[in-house]
Amino acid sequence: MRIVILGALMLTLASAVVLYSSNYDTRQLEARVEEQERAIDKARGDIAVLKAERAHLGRPERIEPLARALGLGPASEQQLAATPEAALARAQAPSSVASQKKGN
C-alpha cells in the first residue's frame, strides 16, 4: 500500500512540475504576443501619420505655387508620348533632349 501512495505522491509532484512549467511558458508566450501587438499598433499608427503627411504634401493647391516659383508649367503636347515605347525611346536619346533645351 505504501508503494502505491508513494507512487501517487511522485506522480502528483511530477504533474505539478509539468503544469508549472507549462504555465510559465504560456505566460512568456503571452507576453511576447502582447509585445508584438503593441509593435503592430505602433506601426499602424506610424503608417496613418505617414499617409496623412503624404496627403498634405501632395495637395495640388500646395504644389502648384511651388512649381510655378521654380519655373515649371503644364506639359506641352510635344512633351507627351503616344506610347510607352515612344517615351522610352525619347528617354534613351539624351542628345535630342539637349537640343530641344538649347532651342527653347
C-alpha atoms as a PDB file:
ATOM      1  CA  MET A   1       0.000   0.000   0.000  1.00  0.00           C
ATOM      2  CA  ARG A   2       2.843   2.383   0.818  1.00  0.00           C
ATOM      3  CA  ILE A   3       4.290   1.885  -2.639  1.00  0.00           C
ATOM      4  CA  VAL A   4       1.010   2.923  -4.240  1.00  0.00           C
ATOM      5  CA  ILE A   5       0.765   6.042  -2.049  1.00  0.00           C
ATOM      6  CA  LEU A   6       4.422   6.903  -2.710  1.00  0.00           C
ATOM      7  CA  GLY A   7       3.903   6.394  -6.456  1.00  0.00           C
ATOM      8  CA  ALA A   8       0.808   8.602  -6.413  1.00  0.00           C
ATOM      9  CA  LEU A   9       2.708  11.283  -4.497  1.00  0.00           C
ATOM     10  CA  MET A  10       5.570  11.208  -7.012  1.00  0.00           C
ATOM     11  CA  LEU A  11       3.116  11.323  -9.893  1.00  0.00           C
ATOM     12  CA  THR A  12       1.369  14.305  -8.273  1.00  0.00           C
ATOM     13  CA  LEU A  13       4.667  16.145  -7.812  1.00  0.00           C
ATOM     14  CA  ALA A  14       5.734  15.414 -11.375  1.00  0.00           C
ATOM     15  CA  SER A  15       2.370  16.645 -12.653  1.00  0.00           C
ATOM     16  CA  ALA A  16       2.735  19.831 -10.599  1.00  0.00           C
ATOM     17  CA  VAL A  17       6.180  20.494 -12.072  1.00  0.00           C
ATOM     18  CA  VAL A  18       4.944  19.899 -15.626  1.00  0.00           C
ATOM     19  CA  LEU A  19       1.904  22.144 -15.084  1.00  0.00           C
ATOM     20  CA  TYR A  20       4.043  24.901 -13.534  1.00  0.00           C
ATOM     21  CA  SER A  21       6.482  24.732 -16.441  1.00  0.00           C
ATOM     22  CA  SER A  22       3.645  24.798 -18.944  1.00  0.00           C
ATOM     23  CA  ASN A  23       2.060  27.768 -17.170  1.00  0.00           C
ATOM     24  CA  TYR A  24       5.377  29.640 -17.129  1.00  0.00           C
ATOM     25  CA  ASP A  25       5.939  29.029 -20.854  1.00  0.00           C
ATOM     26  CA  THR A  26       2.390  30.140 -21.618  1.00  0.00           C
ATOM     27  CA  ARG A  27       2.876  33.403 -19.735  1.00  0.00           C
ATOM     28  CA  GLN A  28       6.109  34.068 -21.615  1.00  0.00           C
ATOM     29  CA  LEU A  29       4.368  33.463 -24.947  1.00  0.00           C
ATOM     30  CA  GLU A  30       1.500  35.751 -23.935  1.00  0.00           C
ATOM     31  CA  ALA A  31       3.975  38.493 -23.033  1.00  0.00           C
ATOM     32  CA  ARG A  32       5.696  38.141 -26.435  1.00  0.00           C
ATOM     33  CA  VAL A  33       2.345  38.236 -28.239  1.00  0.00           C
ATOM     34  CA  GLU A  34       1.338  41.392 -26.341  1.00  0.00           C
ATOM     35  CA  GLU A  35       4.688  42.991 -27.192  1.00  0.00           C
ATOM     36  CA  GLN A  36       4.234  42.165 -30.873  1.00  0.00           C
ATOM     37  CA  GLU A  37       0.669  43.500 -30.806  1.00  0.00           C
ATOM     38  CA  ARG A  38       1.947  46.773 -29.327  1.00  0.00           C
ATOM     39  CA  ALA A  39       4.593  46.955 -32.070  1.00  0.00           C
ATOM     40  CA  ILE A  40       1.923  46.320 -34.719  1.00  0.00           C
ATOM     41  CA  ASP A  41      -0.302  49.049 -33.259  1.00  0.00           C
ATOM     42  CA  LYS A  42       2.639  51.464 -33.239  1.00  0.00           C
ATOM     43  CA  ALA A  43       3.467  50.602 -36.863  1.00  0.00           C
ATOM     44  CA  ARG A  44      -0.177  51.125 -37.873  1.00  0.00           C
ATOM     45  CA  GLY A  45      -0.144  54.496 -36.142  1.00  0.00           C
ATOM     46  CA  ASP A  46       3.075  55.439 -37.922  1.00  0.00           C
ATOM     47  CA  ILE A  47       1.562  54.380 -41.254  1.00  0.00           C
ATOM     48  CA  ALA A  48      -1.516  56.521 -40.604  1.00  0.00           C
ATOM     49  CA  VAL A  49       0.685  59.527 -39.808  1.00  0.00           C
ATOM     50  CA  LEU A  50       2.763  58.996 -42.948  1.00  0.00           C
ATOM     51  CA  LYS A  51      -0.366  58.699 -45.098  1.00  0.00           C
ATOM     52  CA  ALA A  52      -1.704  61.942 -43.637  1.00  0.00           C
ATOM     53  CA  GLU A  53       1.621  63.685 -44.263  1.00  0.00           C
ATOM     54  CA  ARG A  54       1.728  62.389 -47.832  1.00  0.00           C
ATOM     55  CA  ALA A  55      -1.830  63.602 -48.425  1.00  0.00           C
ATOM     56  CA  HIS A  56      -0.918  67.007 -47.018  1.00  0.00           C
ATOM     57  CA  LEU A  57       2.278  67.329 -49.044  1.00  0.00           C
ATOM     58  CA  GLY A  58       0.673  66.058 -52.255  1.00  0.00           C
ATOM     59  CA  ARG A  59      -2.169  68.600 -52.373  1.00  0.00           C
ATOM     60  CA  PRO A  60      -2.254  70.308 -55.790  1.00  0.00           C
ATOM     61  CA  GLU A  61      -3.002  73.731 -54.273  1.00  0.00           C
ATOM     62  CA  ARG A  62       0.223  73.421 -52.275  1.00  0.00           C
ATOM     63  CA  ILE A  63       2.379  72.053 -55.101  1.00  0.00           C
ATOM     64  CA  GLU A  64       1.270  74.425 -57.877  1.00  0.00           C
ATOM     65  CA  PRO A  65       2.712  77.659 -56.367  1.00  0.00           C
ATOM     66  CA  LEU A  66       5.963  75.872 -55.564  1.00  0.00           C
ATOM     67  CA  ALA A  67       6.216  74.528 -59.121  1.00  0.00           C
ATOM     68  CA  ARG A  68       5.456  77.953 -60.614  1.00  0.00           C
ATOM     69  CA  ALA A  69       8.145  79.506 -58.403  1.00  0.00           C
ATOM     70  CA  LEU A  70      10.621  77.018 -59.897  1.00  0.00           C
ATOM     71  CA  GLY A  71       9.550  77.985 -63.407  1.00  0.00           C
ATOM     72  CA  LEU A  72       7.642  74.778 -64.096  1.00  0.00           C
ATOM     73  CA  GLY A  73       4.438  74.699 -66.069  1.00  0.00           C
ATOM     74  CA  PRO A  74       1.958  72.253 -67.543  1.00  0.00           C
ATOM     75  CA  ALA A  75       3.331  69.716 -70.015  1.00  0.00           C
ATOM     76  CA  SER A  76       3.002  70.651 -73.675  1.00  0.00           C
ATOM     77  CA  GLU A  77       1.850  68.243 -76.364  1.00  0.00           C
ATOM     78  CA  GLN A  78       5.434  67.929 -77.609  1.00  0.00           C
ATOM     79  CA  GLN A  79       6.493  66.572 -74.224  1.00  0.00           C
ATOM     80  CA  LEU A  80       3.858  63.821 -74.176  1.00  0.00           C
ATOM     81  CA  ALA A  81       4.489  60.431 -75.758  1.00  0.00           C
ATOM     82  CA  ALA A  82       1.788  58.437 -77.532  1.00  0.00           C
ATOM     83  CA  THR A  83       3.041  55.049 -76.313  1.00  0.00           C
ATOM     84  CA  PRO A  84       5.321  53.780 -73.558  1.00  0.00           C
ATOM     85  CA  GLU A  85       7.781  52.672 -76.235  1.00  0.00           C
ATOM     86  CA  ALA A  86       7.967  56.213 -77.611  1.00  0.00           C
ATOM     87  CA  ALA A  87       8.560  57.544 -74.117  1.00  0.00           C
ATOM     88  CA  LEU A  88      11.346  55.018 -73.584  1.00  0.00           C
ATOM     89  CA  ALA A  89      12.951  55.899 -76.916  1.00  0.00           C
ATOM     90  CA  ARG A  90      12.782  59.588 -76.044  1.00  0.00           C
ATOM     91  CA  ALA A  91      14.288  58.947 -72.629  1.00  0.00           C
ATOM     92  CA  GLN A  92      17.158  56.948 -74.107  1.00  0.00           C
ATOM     93  CA  ALA A  93      18.048  59.704 -76.588  1.00  0.00           C
ATOM     94  CA  PRO A  94      19.675  62.377 -74.385  1.00  0.00           C
ATOM     95  CA  SER A  95      21.047  64.311 -77.378  1.00  0.00           C
ATOM     96  CA  SER A  96      17.530  65.121 -78.614  1.00  0.00           C
ATOM     97  CA  VAL A  97      16.537  66.424 -75.178  1.00  0.00           C
ATOM     98  CA  ALA A  98      19.662  68.607 -75.024  1.00  0.00           C
ATOM     99  CA  SER A  99      18.976  70.036 -78.486  1.00  0.00           C
ATOM    100  CA  GLN A 100      15.375  70.798 -77.524  1.00  0.00           C
ATOM    101  CA  LYS A 101      16.553  72.649 -74.430  1.00  0.00           C
ATOM    102  CA  LYS A 102      19.022  74.705 -76.485  1.00  0.00           C
ATOM    103  CA  GLY A 103      16.279  75.559 -78.978  1.00  0.00           C
ATOM    104  CA  ASN A 104      13.921  76.859 -76.234  1.00  0.00           C
END
